[in-house]
Amino acid sequence: MQPFTQLSFPFGDLPIVPYKSKNPYSFALALCLVSKEVRKTVLPEILHTVLLPQLRNVTAFVDTLRMQQAYAQQDYQFKFDYAKHVRRMWMGQFRGSLSGLSLNEFGQMQSGLDLSPLAPVLLAAPSIAVDFENLGLLSGCLFHAWKSPVPYSPKILMVTGTESMTRQWSSFIKTDHGAAFLASISNVISITHTTTDSTRHQCGICHRDSASKIYKLPEWMARAPLSNLQTFSLPIPHSAHTLAECEPTGTDMKVELLTFSVSKLSPRRRTLKELRIIQQMGSSPSDHGLLAASRLRSSFCILCQDWLKAWACGLGS
């Protein structure tokens, strides 16, 4: 029998709530060491929402999946099918690139990183989030699945990052695997920002005149082959409600996620008032809700919010 110490994978690298001062998984990890039955009960809760905000998180998670593959081949008592339990996955804005993983100018994958353990888990999750800067990770998984019978389960796609990353997005949507994946998506949540948003944020003036902010269908969506898209969601400030806390320390801003029927959308610019009217006129019930995004501001700015935390709290469910 293999040593029990091989089960010491640091699930704290995949925090549900990204506290810097403590490990949110410490209690769950302790429970996993109690018995096999307790471990089977705890792991599904831990794996429901997987956050991969940094390169080290991706590497650690892939290593764990590879370990589970070895357990399955040996029919080891600690084998566990992650793909059945991961329901939501966040791929953040990595500071750098994964070794051996990138898109060339034609949108094809550069070889080097073995994504075979990650691809079936990622593509089995009903809801995923990806940053424009890291489409290579998603594309790599799709490219791997393109050569094997792995069904596309994701129906909700949240896109984050700057809309100026047009080259990466254009390369991705031109690939066969990228186009096929987007054609299977039924709901898109846009948490993207423009160059103007970035400039205002960097200059510290993003909190001014938020009521006059123009909302529109992002240009990157207009170009994407989202042939089966049914709804589109975007966040707006919800100033009618008081501030609430989502963690013991720190105050958060309420954000309203409005969901619109695709048939009601238009690429032309719309004001916040027009968006609310369209949402109210929608024939299908709206999925919008109140979500917590960290860092208090006097008004709403995409870049001022902690979307990783919002995702962990339920955004995209």
Protein backbone atom coordinates (compact mmCIF):
# COMPACT_ATOMS: atom_id res chain seq x y z
CA MET A 1 0.00 0.00 0.00
CA GLN A 2 1.26 3.46 -0.83
CA PRO A 3 2.13 5.79 2.06
CA PHE A 4 -0.79 7.72 3.48
CA THR A 5 1.24 10.93 3.24
CA GLN A 6 0.58 11.04 -0.53
CA LEU A 7 -2.83 12.50 0.29
CA SER A 8 -1.31 15.75 1.51
CA PHE A 9 -2.21 17.81 -1.58
CA PRO A 10 -2.62 21.45 -0.44
CA PHE A 11 -6.25 22.16 -1.24
CA GLY A 12 -5.57 25.54 0.36
CA ASP A 13 -4.05 26.48 -3.02
CA LEU A 14 -7.60 26.44 -4.39
CA PRO A 15 -9.41 28.70 -1.91
CA ILE A 16 -13.15 29.12 -2.09
CA VAL A 17 -12.76 32.48 -0.35
CA PRO A 18 -9.32 33.97 -1.07
CA TYR A 19 -8.38 35.15 2.39
CA LYS A 20 -4.71 36.00 2.65
CA SER A 21 -4.52 35.65 6.40
CA LYS A 22 -5.77 32.09 6.83
CA ASN A 23 -6.32 28.81 5.05
CA PRO A 24 -10.07 28.39 4.39
CA TYR A 25 -9.57 24.65 3.80
CA SER A 26 -7.77 23.83 7.04
CA PHE A 27 -10.85 22.27 8.68
CA ALA A 28 -11.85 20.38 5.52
CA LEU A 29 -8.31 19.03 5.11
CA ALA A 30 -8.33 17.80 8.68
CA LEU A 31 -11.63 16.01 8.06
CA CYS A 32 -10.17 14.31 4.99
CA LEU A 33 -7.61 12.63 7.24
CA VAL A 34 -10.23 11.17 9.60
CA SER A 35 -11.37 8.27 7.43
CA LYS A 36 -12.08 7.24 3.86
CA GLU A 37 -15.80 7.79 4.32
CA VAL A 38 -15.35 11.27 5.74
CA ARG A 39 -12.97 12.08 2.88
CA LYS A 40 -15.59 11.02 0.33
CA THR A 41 -18.08 13.34 2.02
CA VAL A 42 -15.75 16.34 2.27
CA LEU A 43 -14.13 16.26 -1.19
CA PRO A 44 -17.32 16.96 -3.19
CA GLU A 45 -17.88 20.11 -1.14
CA ILE A 46 -14.30 21.24 -1.66
CA LEU A 47 -14.37 20.55 -5.40
CA HIS A 48 -17.74 22.12 -6.20
CA THR A 49 -16.08 25.46 -7.02
CA VAL A 50 -12.45 25.33 -8.13
CA LEU A 51 -10.47 28.56 -8.38
CA LEU A 52 -7.26 28.70 -10.41
CA PRO A 53 -6.19 32.33 -10.02
CA GLN A 54 -2.43 31.76 -10.36
CA LEU A 55 -0.02 29.52 -12.26
CA ARG A 56 0.87 27.56 -9.14
CA ASN A 57 -2.81 26.70 -8.63
CA VAL A 58 -3.08 25.29 -12.15
CA THR A 59 0.09 23.25 -11.72
CA ALA A 60 -1.00 21.91 -8.32
CA PHE A 61 -4.46 20.98 -9.59
CA VAL A 62 -3.11 19.21 -12.70
CA ASP A 63 -0.62 17.29 -10.53
CA THR A 64 -3.47 16.16 -8.29
CA LEU A 65 -5.53 15.01 -11.27
CA ARG A 66 -2.52 13.07 -12.53
CA MET A 67 -2.20 11.45 -9.11
CA GLN A 68 -5.87 10.46 -9.24
CA GLN A 69 -5.35 8.89 -12.66
CA ALA A 70 -2.61 6.72 -11.15
CA TYR A 71 -4.91 5.77 -8.28
CA ALA A 72 -7.65 4.79 -10.73
CA GLN A 73 -5.31 2.60 -12.78
CA GLN A 74 -4.25 0.79 -9.61
CA ASP A 75 -7.82 0.70 -8.29
CA TYR A 76 -6.42 2.34 -5.17
CA GLN A 77 -8.78 2.92 -2.25
CA PHE A 78 -8.28 6.70 -2.38
CA LYS A 79 -9.23 7.13 -6.03
CA PHE A 80 -11.78 9.89 -6.60
CA ASP A 81 -13.49 11.04 -9.80
CA TYR A 82 -13.05 14.82 -9.78
CA ALA A 83 -14.98 15.33 -13.02
CA LYS A 84 -18.23 14.24 -11.35
CA HIS A 85 -17.98 16.87 -8.63
CA VAL A 86 -16.39 19.99 -10.13
CA ARG A 87 -19.35 22.18 -11.11
CA ARG A 88 -17.69 25.58 -11.48
CA MET A 89 -14.13 26.52 -12.45
CA TRP A 90 -12.39 29.89 -12.56
CA MET A 91 -9.26 30.45 -14.67
CA GLY A 92 -7.81 33.79 -13.66
CA GLN A 93 -5.53 36.42 -15.12
CA PHE A 94 -2.21 34.68 -14.77
CA ARG A 95 0.87 36.79 -14.28
CA GLY A 96 2.85 35.18 -17.08
CA SER A 97 2.19 32.14 -19.21
CA LEU A 98 2.11 28.42 -18.62
CA SER A 99 5.29 26.72 -19.75
CA GLY A 100 4.77 25.12 -23.14
CA LEU A 101 1.24 26.50 -23.51
CA SER A 102 0.40 29.33 -25.89
CA LEU A 103 -1.58 30.20 -28.99
CA ASN A 104 0.31 30.98 -32.16
CA GLU A 105 -1.01 33.52 -34.65
CA PHE A 106 -3.25 30.87 -36.21
CA GLY A 107 -4.83 29.92 -32.90
CA GLN A 108 -3.21 26.48 -32.78
CA MET A 109 -1.77 25.12 -29.57
CA GLN A 110 1.95 25.04 -28.96
CA SER A 111 2.91 21.65 -27.56
CA GLY A 112 4.68 21.13 -24.26
CA LEU A 113 2.15 20.96 -21.41
CA ASP A 114 0.12 17.80 -20.90
CA LEU A 115 -3.47 18.94 -20.39
CA SER A 116 -4.99 15.46 -20.68
CA PRO A 117 -5.81 15.27 -16.94
CA LEU A 118 -7.40 18.76 -16.85
CA ALA A 119 -9.43 18.70 -20.07
CA PRO A 120 -12.17 16.21 -19.03
CA VAL A 121 -12.60 17.91 -15.64
CA LEU A 122 -12.83 21.42 -17.07
CA LEU A 123 -15.20 20.42 -19.86
CA ALA A 124 -17.46 18.52 -17.44
CA ALA A 125 -18.10 21.66 -15.37
CA PRO A 126 -21.42 23.35 -16.25
CA SER A 127 -20.03 26.82 -15.52
CA ILE A 128 -16.55 28.17 -16.23
CA ALA A 129 -14.84 31.56 -16.14
CA VAL A 130 -11.85 32.54 -18.28
CA ASP A 131 -9.77 35.68 -18.72
CA PHE A 132 -8.92 36.97 -22.19
CA GLU A 133 -5.23 36.73 -21.35
CA ASN A 134 -5.45 33.02 -20.63
CA LEU A 135 -7.47 31.64 -23.50
CA GLY A 136 -4.51 29.36 -24.13
CA LEU A 137 -5.46 27.15 -21.18
CA LEU A 138 -9.06 26.78 -22.34
CA SER A 139 -7.99 26.32 -25.96
CA GLY A 140 -5.46 23.68 -24.95
CA CYS A 141 -8.12 21.65 -23.12
CA LEU A 142 -10.50 21.99 -26.06
CA PHE A 143 -7.77 20.99 -28.49
CA HIS A 144 -7.11 17.86 -26.45
CA ALA A 145 -10.82 17.05 -26.24
CA TRP A 146 -11.17 17.62 -29.99
CA LYS A 147 -9.17 14.42 -30.51
CA SER A 148 -11.19 12.38 -28.02
CA PRO A 149 -14.93 11.82 -27.33
CA VAL A 150 -15.22 14.30 -24.45
CA PRO A 151 -18.62 16.06 -24.45
CA TYR A 152 -18.88 19.80 -23.86
CA SER A 153 -20.82 20.26 -20.62
CA PRO A 154 -20.23 24.00 -19.95
CA LYS A 155 -23.34 26.06 -20.68
CA ILE A 156 -22.40 29.20 -18.74
CA LEU A 157 -19.28 31.08 -19.79
CA MET A 158 -18.03 34.10 -17.87
CA VAL A 159 -15.39 36.17 -19.65
CA THR A 160 -13.16 38.60 -17.77
CA GLY A 161 -10.32 40.91 -18.74
CA THR A 162 -9.68 43.75 -21.13
CA GLU A 163 -11.54 43.91 -24.42
CA SER A 164 -8.36 45.14 -26.11
CA MET A 165 -7.08 41.55 -26.21
CA THR A 166 -8.67 41.17 -29.66
CA ARG A 167 -5.85 39.18 -31.23
CA GLN A 168 -6.08 36.35 -28.71
CA TRP A 169 -9.86 36.23 -28.95
CA SER A 170 -9.85 36.37 -32.76
CA SER A 171 -7.35 33.52 -32.91
CA PHE A 172 -9.44 31.45 -30.50
CA ILE A 173 -12.79 31.83 -32.29
CA LYS A 174 -11.20 30.93 -35.64
CA THR A 175 -10.16 27.48 -34.45
CA ASP A 176 -12.47 24.53 -35.04
CA HIS A 177 -12.43 23.53 -31.39
CA GLY A 178 -13.00 27.11 -30.21
CA ALA A 179 -15.95 27.66 -32.53
CA ALA A 180 -17.52 24.33 -31.57
CA PHE A 181 -17.19 25.15 -27.88
CA LEU A 182 -18.76 28.61 -28.22
CA ALA A 183 -21.62 27.13 -30.23
CA SER A 184 -22.53 25.00 -27.19
CA ILE A 185 -22.73 27.96 -24.77
CA SER A 186 -26.23 29.15 -23.83
CA ASN A 187 -25.40 31.95 -21.36
CA VAL A 188 -22.54 34.46 -21.37
CA ILE A 189 -21.61 36.70 -18.45
CA SER A 190 -19.42 39.63 -19.46
CA ILE A 191 -17.13 41.08 -16.79
CA THR A 192 -14.88 42.72 -19.35
CA HIS A 193 -13.60 46.28 -19.46
CA THR A 194 -12.43 48.70 -22.13
CA THR A 195 -9.19 50.64 -22.45
CA THR A 196 -11.10 53.72 -21.27
CA ASP A 197 -12.21 51.87 -18.14
CA SER A 198 -8.58 50.94 -17.44
CA THR A 199 -7.40 54.51 -17.91
CA ARG A 200 -10.07 55.93 -15.59
CA HIS A 201 -9.25 53.28 -13.00
CA GLN A 202 -5.50 53.94 -13.14
CA CYS A 203 -6.08 57.69 -12.86
CA GLY A 204 -8.35 57.24 -9.87
CA ILE A 205 -11.39 58.83 -11.53
CA CYS A 206 -13.39 55.65 -12.11
CA HIS A 207 -15.78 56.56 -9.29
CA ARG A 208 -16.97 59.74 -10.96
CA ASP A 209 -20.14 60.10 -13.02
CA SER A 210 -21.01 56.40 -12.89
CA ALA A 211 -24.70 57.16 -13.43
CA SER A 212 -23.92 58.33 -16.95
CA LYS A 213 -21.91 55.23 -17.89
CA ILE A 214 -22.85 53.76 -21.26
CA TYR A 215 -23.65 50.04 -21.38
CA LYS A 216 -23.51 48.11 -24.64
CA LEU A 217 -23.13 44.63 -26.07
CA PRO A 218 -19.36 43.97 -26.11
CA GLU A 219 -17.81 43.90 -29.56
CA TRP A 220 -16.04 40.63 -28.81
CA MET A 221 -19.43 38.97 -28.38
CA ALA A 222 -20.74 40.33 -31.66
CA ARG A 223 -17.91 38.58 -33.50
CA ALA A 224 -18.14 35.26 -31.65
CA PRO A 225 -19.94 32.22 -33.14
CA LEU A 226 -22.41 31.98 -30.26
CA SER A 227 -25.09 30.33 -32.37
CA ASN A 228 -26.98 28.81 -29.42
CA LEU A 229 -26.74 31.78 -27.06
CA GLN A 230 -29.99 32.37 -25.19
CA THR A 231 -29.12 34.92 -22.53
CA PHE A 232 -26.47 37.54 -21.87
CA SER A 233 -25.64 38.94 -18.43
CA LEU A 234 -23.68 41.94 -17.22
CA PRO A 235 -23.15 43.55 -13.81
CA ILE A 236 -24.40 47.00 -12.88
CA PRO A 237 -24.31 48.84 -9.53
CA HIS A 238 -27.25 48.26 -7.24
CA SER A 239 -27.28 51.47 -5.23
CA ALA A 240 -30.84 51.04 -3.98
CA HIS A 241 -29.68 48.55 -1.35
CA THR A 242 -27.46 49.03 1.64
CA LEU A 243 -23.96 47.66 1.73
CA ALA A 244 -23.54 44.14 3.06
CA GLU A 245 -20.71 42.03 4.34
CA CYS A 246 -19.58 38.84 2.65
CA GLU A 247 -16.71 38.14 5.03
CA PRO A 248 -16.17 38.82 8.73
CA THR A 249 -13.95 41.83 8.03
CA GLY A 250 -14.30 44.22 5.13
CA THR A 251 -17.31 45.84 3.53
CA ASP A 252 -18.60 44.93 0.09
CA MET A 253 -20.59 46.60 -2.61
CA LYS A 254 -23.84 45.16 -3.90
CA VAL A 255 -23.81 44.39 -7.61
CA GLU A 256 -26.82 43.45 -9.66
CA LEU A 257 -26.40 40.87 -12.41
CA LEU A 258 -28.96 41.57 -15.11
CA THR A 259 -29.78 38.83 -17.58
CA PHE A 260 -31.27 39.68 -20.96
CA SER A 261 -32.81 37.55 -23.66
CA VAL A 262 -30.66 37.56 -26.80
CA SER A 263 -33.70 38.48 -28.88
CA LYS A 264 -33.93 41.75 -26.93
CA LEU A 265 -30.30 42.72 -27.46
CA SER A 266 -28.82 45.11 -29.96
CA PRO A 267 -25.20 46.07 -30.61
CA ARG A 268 -26.07 49.76 -30.33
CA ARG A 269 -25.21 51.60 -27.13
CA ARG A 270 -27.82 51.67 -24.39
CA THR A 271 -28.15 53.64 -21.21
CA LEU A 272 -28.62 52.00 -17.84
CA LYS A 273 -32.29 53.06 -17.85
CA GLU A 274 -32.86 51.42 -21.24
CA LEU A 275 -31.20 48.22 -20.05
CA ARG A 276 -33.48 48.04 -17.03
CA ILE A 277 -36.55 48.56 -19.24
CA ILE A 278 -35.47 45.79 -21.62
CA GLN A 279 -34.82 43.46 -18.71
CA GLN A 280 -38.29 44.13 -17.30
CA MET A 281 -39.89 43.49 -20.71
CA GLY A 282 -38.14 40.15 -21.18
CA SER A 283 -40.55 37.26 -21.74
CA SER A 284 -38.44 34.77 -19.81
CA PRO A 285 -37.76 35.09 -16.08
CA SER A 286 -34.55 36.88 -15.22
CA ASP A 287 -31.70 35.11 -13.51
CA HIS A 288 -30.29 38.24 -11.94
CA GLY A 289 -29.43 38.42 -8.29
CA LEU A 290 -27.41 40.41 -5.79
CA LEU A 291 -23.75 39.46 -5.63
CA ALA A 292 -20.99 40.67 -3.35
CA ALA A 293 -17.86 42.12 -4.88
CA SER A 294 -15.11 43.32 -2.57
CA ARG A 295 -13.79 46.82 -1.96
CA LEU A 296 -16.14 49.63 -1.14
CA ARG A 297 -16.40 52.45 -3.65
CA SER A 298 -18.76 55.37 -3.85
CA SER A 299 -19.79 54.10 -7.27
CA PHE A 300 -19.31 51.12 -9.54
CA CYS A 301 -16.11 50.24 -11.40
CA ILE A 302 -15.46 46.83 -12.94
CA LEU A 303 -11.78 46.99 -12.02
CA CYS A 304 -12.45 47.94 -8.38
CA GLN A 305 -14.36 44.74 -7.68
CA ASP A 306 -13.02 41.38 -6.55
CA TRP A 307 -14.63 39.11 -9.15
CA LEU A 308 -12.75 36.08 -7.90
CA LYS A 309 -14.56 36.46 -4.61
CA ALA A 310 -17.87 37.13 -6.37
CA TRP A 311 -17.43 33.90 -8.34
CA ALA A 312 -16.68 32.02 -5.13
CA CYS A 313 -19.84 33.49 -3.57
CA GLY A 314 -22.02 32.16 -6.38
CA LEU A 315 -21.66 34.30 -9.50
CA GLY A 316 -22.29 32.13 -12.54
CA SER A 317 -24.20 29.43 -10.66
